[in-house]
Amino acid sequence: MALDLLHRLSELTLPVAVTHGRDVDAVRVLALAGHIKATIPKPVRTLDGYDQPPAVVASITSLGRSMIKRFPRR
């Protein structure tokens, strides 16, 4: 879930590279919602399908910080 990733990112020193496919998708959602600032490269076509290069999360926005406070971890 994107909110779980937002909580995990808040505990890390940014910038950080996100490599797992589900996490990259969550980074996309968080960036579109304005909760983080990130660079997400387009998938690269390979002979076997597509490969997703790592997304780099640069920062958590003030909106993202308010979401962390409003929806704390359980």
Protein backbone atom coordinates (compact mmCIF):
# COMPACT_ATOMS: atom_id res chain seq x y z
CA MET A 1 0.00 0.00 0.00
CA ALA A 2 1.21 3.49 -0.82
CA LEU A 3 0.65 4.84 2.69
CA ASP A 4 2.82 2.09 4.15
CA LEU A 5 5.60 3.03 1.74
CA LEU A 6 5.19 6.68 2.73
CA HIS A 7 5.76 5.72 6.37
CA ARG A 8 8.81 3.64 5.45
CA LEU A 9 10.24 6.49 3.38
CA SER A 10 9.82 8.89 6.30
CA GLU A 11 12.24 6.74 8.31
CA LEU A 12 14.97 6.79 5.66
CA THR A 13 17.56 9.35 4.64
CA LEU A 14 16.45 10.68 1.26
CA PRO A 15 17.12 10.48 -1.64
CA VAL A 16 16.56 6.74 -1.89
CA ALA A 17 16.22 4.38 -4.85
CA VAL A 18 13.14 2.16 -4.92
CA THR A 19 13.62 -0.99 -6.96
CA HIS A 20 10.81 -3.46 -6.21
CA GLY A 21 7.97 -3.39 -8.76
CA ARG A 22 5.12 -2.89 -6.27
CA ASP A 23 7.05 -0.17 -4.49
CA VAL A 24 7.73 1.65 -7.76
CA ASP A 25 3.99 1.56 -8.47
CA ALA A 26 3.34 2.97 -4.98
CA VAL A 27 5.92 5.71 -5.68
CA ARG A 28 3.93 6.61 -8.79
CA VAL A 29 0.72 6.90 -6.75
CA LEU A 30 2.40 8.98 -4.03
CA ALA A 31 4.01 11.29 -6.58
CA LEU A 32 0.74 11.80 -8.47
CA ALA A 33 -1.01 12.59 -5.17
CA GLY A 34 1.65 15.19 -4.36
CA HIS A 35 2.94 13.38 -1.27
CA ILE A 36 6.51 12.93 -2.54
CA LYS A 37 8.85 14.29 -5.18
CA ALA A 38 10.35 11.48 -7.23
CA THR A 39 11.98 10.64 -10.52
CA ILE A 40 10.42 7.57 -12.11
CA PRO A 41 12.00 6.39 -15.36
CA LYS A 42 9.83 4.76 -17.99
CA PRO A 43 10.00 0.96 -18.26
CA VAL A 44 12.57 -0.36 -20.72
CA ARG A 45 11.47 -2.94 -23.26
CA THR A 46 13.50 -6.15 -23.19
CA LEU A 47 13.31 -9.44 -25.06
CA ASP A 48 11.36 -10.91 -22.13
CA GLY A 49 8.93 -8.00 -21.70
CA TYR A 50 9.72 -4.87 -19.70
CA ASP A 51 12.24 -3.92 -17.04
CA GLN A 52 11.56 -1.10 -14.58
CA PRO A 53 14.62 0.98 -13.67
CA PRO A 54 14.70 2.16 -10.05
CA ALA A 55 12.63 5.17 -9.03
CA VAL A 56 14.42 7.79 -6.94
CA VAL A 57 12.46 9.47 -4.15
CA ALA A 58 13.97 12.90 -3.53
CA SER A 59 11.74 14.25 -0.76
CA ILE A 60 8.46 14.02 1.11
CA THR A 61 6.28 17.08 0.61
CA SER A 62 4.44 18.95 3.34
CA LEU A 63 1.23 17.27 2.16
CA GLY A 64 2.96 13.90 2.56
CA ARG A 65 4.10 14.81 6.08
CA SER A 66 0.56 15.78 7.02
CA MET A 67 -0.70 12.43 5.70
CA ILE A 68 1.84 10.64 7.91
CA LYS A 69 0.55 12.54 10.94
CA ARG A 70 -3.11 12.10 10.02
CA PHE A 71 -2.80 8.36 9.33
CA PRO A 72 -0.22 6.97 11.80
CA ARG A 73 1.05 3.41 11.60
CA ARG A 74 -0.86 0.84 13.59
